Amino acid sequence: MDRRTTRRDAADPLRNRLRELRAARRWSQADLADRLDVSIQTVDAIETGRLDPGLLLAFRIAAAFGGRIEDLFFPADGAGAEA
């Protein structure tokens, strides 16, 4: 791989299952934001892929859903995502 591909791949956003898991629990974005002590805008930005959470926030999100980080977040190319 050349250097440009590596840099671009590293900058690709994570995909996530937040919206799906939140909806399954019938939580609004406001409910999840309250549980995480973040703004609704932060929850929306993470769900839509405009913001990748930092490690501590990712752990808090995983804890809120009773799962592991790797069950919630995965590379945008789908590698590592379980179907």
C-alpha atoms as a PDB file:
ATOM      1  CA  MET A   1       0.000   0.000   0.000  1.00  0.00           C
ATOM      2  CA  ASP A   2       1.187   3.459  -0.700  1.00  0.00           C
ATOM      3  CA  ARG A   3       1.247   6.171   1.898  1.00  0.00           C
ATOM      4  CA  ARG A   4      -1.757   8.073   0.510  1.00  0.00           C
ATOM      5  CA  THR A   5      -4.024   5.032   0.781  1.00  0.00           C
ATOM      6  CA  THR A   6      -2.917   4.396   4.361  1.00  0.00           C
ATOM      7  CA  ARG A   7      -3.571   7.990   5.409  1.00  0.00           C
ATOM      8  CA  ARG A   8      -6.959   8.061   3.721  1.00  0.00           C
ATOM      9  CA  ASP A   9      -7.960   4.738   5.282  1.00  0.00           C
ATOM     10  CA  ALA A  10      -6.953   6.004   8.730  1.00  0.00           C
ATOM     11  CA  ALA A  11      -9.150   9.059   8.241  1.00  0.00           C
ATOM     12  CA  ASP A  12     -12.227   7.051   7.238  1.00  0.00           C
ATOM     13  CA  PRO A  13     -14.974   7.336   9.821  1.00  0.00           C
ATOM     14  CA  LEU A  14     -16.252   4.465  11.894  1.00  0.00           C
ATOM     15  CA  ARG A  15     -19.652   3.011  11.243  1.00  0.00           C
ATOM     16  CA  ASN A  16     -21.819   2.206  14.206  1.00  0.00           C
ATOM     17  CA  ARG A  17     -25.010   0.545  15.364  1.00  0.00           C
ATOM     18  CA  LEU A  18     -26.129   3.305  17.733  1.00  0.00           C
ATOM     19  CA  ARG A  19     -29.346   4.248  15.946  1.00  0.00           C
ATOM     20  CA  GLU A  20     -30.368   0.593  15.608  1.00  0.00           C
ATOM     21  CA  LEU A  21     -29.636  -0.252  19.249  1.00  0.00           C
ATOM     22  CA  ARG A  22     -31.177   2.957  20.540  1.00  0.00           C
ATOM     23  CA  ALA A  23     -34.373   2.342  18.558  1.00  0.00           C
ATOM     24  CA  ALA A  24     -34.564  -1.240  19.829  1.00  0.00           C
ATOM     25  CA  ARG A  25     -34.623   0.147  23.373  1.00  0.00           C
ATOM     26  CA  ARG A  26     -37.091   2.862  22.389  1.00  0.00           C
ATOM     27  CA  TRP A  27     -34.663   5.555  23.526  1.00  0.00           C
ATOM     28  CA  SER A  28     -34.710   8.947  21.901  1.00  0.00           C
ATOM     29  CA  GLN A  29     -31.476  10.729  21.093  1.00  0.00           C
ATOM     30  CA  ALA A  30     -32.204  12.868  24.164  1.00  0.00           C
ATOM     31  CA  ASP A  31     -32.514   9.745  26.342  1.00  0.00           C
ATOM     32  CA  LEU A  32     -29.139   8.451  25.153  1.00  0.00           C
ATOM     33  CA  ALA A  33     -27.554  11.891  25.485  1.00  0.00           C
ATOM     34  CA  ASP A  34     -28.744  12.077  29.109  1.00  0.00           C
ATOM     35  CA  ARG A  35     -27.349   8.615  29.865  1.00  0.00           C
ATOM     36  CA  LEU A  36     -23.982   9.593  28.365  1.00  0.00           C
ATOM     37  CA  ASP A  37     -23.939  13.169  29.716  1.00  0.00           C
ATOM     38  CA  VAL A  38     -23.415  14.604  26.230  1.00  0.00           C
ATOM     39  CA  SER A  39     -25.508  16.815  23.960  1.00  0.00           C
ATOM     40  CA  ILE A  40     -28.155  15.558  21.570  1.00  0.00           C
ATOM     41  CA  GLN A  41     -26.020  17.041  18.802  1.00  0.00           C
ATOM     42  CA  THR A  42     -23.125  14.780  19.855  1.00  0.00           C
ATOM     43  CA  VAL A  43     -25.347  11.687  19.721  1.00  0.00           C
ATOM     44  CA  ASP A  44     -26.656  12.738  16.299  1.00  0.00           C
ATOM     45  CA  ALA A  45     -23.136  13.408  14.979  1.00  0.00           C
ATOM     46  CA  ILE A  46     -21.919   9.983  16.142  1.00  0.00           C
ATOM     47  CA  GLU A  47     -24.965   8.182  14.706  1.00  0.00           C
ATOM     48  CA  THR A  48     -24.568   9.852  11.319  1.00  0.00           C
ATOM     49  CA  GLY A  49     -20.816   9.281  11.166  1.00  0.00           C
ATOM     50  CA  ARG A  50     -19.835  12.946  11.350  1.00  0.00           C
ATOM     51  CA  LEU A  51     -18.062  12.336  14.672  1.00  0.00           C
ATOM     52  CA  ASP A  52     -16.048   9.369  15.867  1.00  0.00           C
ATOM     53  CA  PRO A  53     -16.200   9.215  19.674  1.00  0.00           C
ATOM     54  CA  GLY A  54     -13.041   9.253  21.726  1.00  0.00           C
ATOM     55  CA  LEU A  55     -12.086   6.103  23.575  1.00  0.00           C
ATOM     56  CA  LEU A  56     -13.636   7.087  26.905  1.00  0.00           C
ATOM     57  CA  LEU A  57     -16.924   8.071  25.295  1.00  0.00           C
ATOM     58  CA  ALA A  58     -16.911   4.861  23.246  1.00  0.00           C
ATOM     59  CA  PHE A  59     -16.555   2.876  26.494  1.00  0.00           C
ATOM     60  CA  ARG A  60     -19.439   4.851  28.051  1.00  0.00           C
ATOM     61  CA  ILE A  61     -21.604   4.180  24.998  1.00  0.00           C
ATOM     62  CA  ALA A  62     -20.803   0.474  25.108  1.00  0.00           C
ATOM     63  CA  ALA A  63     -21.628   0.369  28.829  1.00  0.00           C
ATOM     64  CA  ALA A  64     -24.961   2.129  28.217  1.00  0.00           C
ATOM     65  CA  PHE A  65     -25.895  -0.656  25.801  1.00  0.00           C
ATOM     66  CA  GLY A  66     -24.376  -3.422  27.904  1.00  0.00           C
ATOM     67  CA  GLY A  67     -21.968  -4.430  25.169  1.00  0.00           C
ATOM     68  CA  ARG A  68     -18.422  -4.083  23.959  1.00  0.00           C
ATOM     69  CA  ILE A  69     -16.986  -1.294  21.828  1.00  0.00           C
ATOM     70  CA  GLU A  70     -16.310  -3.681  18.952  1.00  0.00           C
ATOM     71  CA  ASP A  71     -19.986  -4.711  18.977  1.00  0.00           C
ATOM     72  CA  LEU A  72     -21.002  -1.086  18.359  1.00  0.00           C
ATOM     73  CA  PHE A  73     -18.277   0.443  16.185  1.00  0.00           C
ATOM     74  CA  PHE A  74     -16.465  -0.909  13.139  1.00  0.00           C
ATOM     75  CA  PRO A  75     -14.475   0.443  10.170  1.00  0.00           C
ATOM     76  CA  ALA A  76     -16.495   2.141   7.444  1.00  0.00           C
ATOM     77  CA  ASP A  77     -15.439  -0.505   4.919  1.00  0.00           C
ATOM     78  CA  GLY A  78     -17.279  -3.104   7.010  1.00  0.00           C
ATOM     79  CA  ALA A  79     -14.165  -5.028   8.030  1.00  0.00           C
ATOM     80  CA  GLY A  80     -14.765  -6.534  11.425  1.00  0.00           C
ATOM     81  CA  ALA A  81     -18.498  -5.948  11.382  1.00  0.00           C
ATOM     82  CA  GLU A  82     -20.545  -8.997  12.180  1.00  0.00           C
ATOM     83  CA  ALA A  83     -23.614  -9.446  10.019  1.00  0.00           C
END
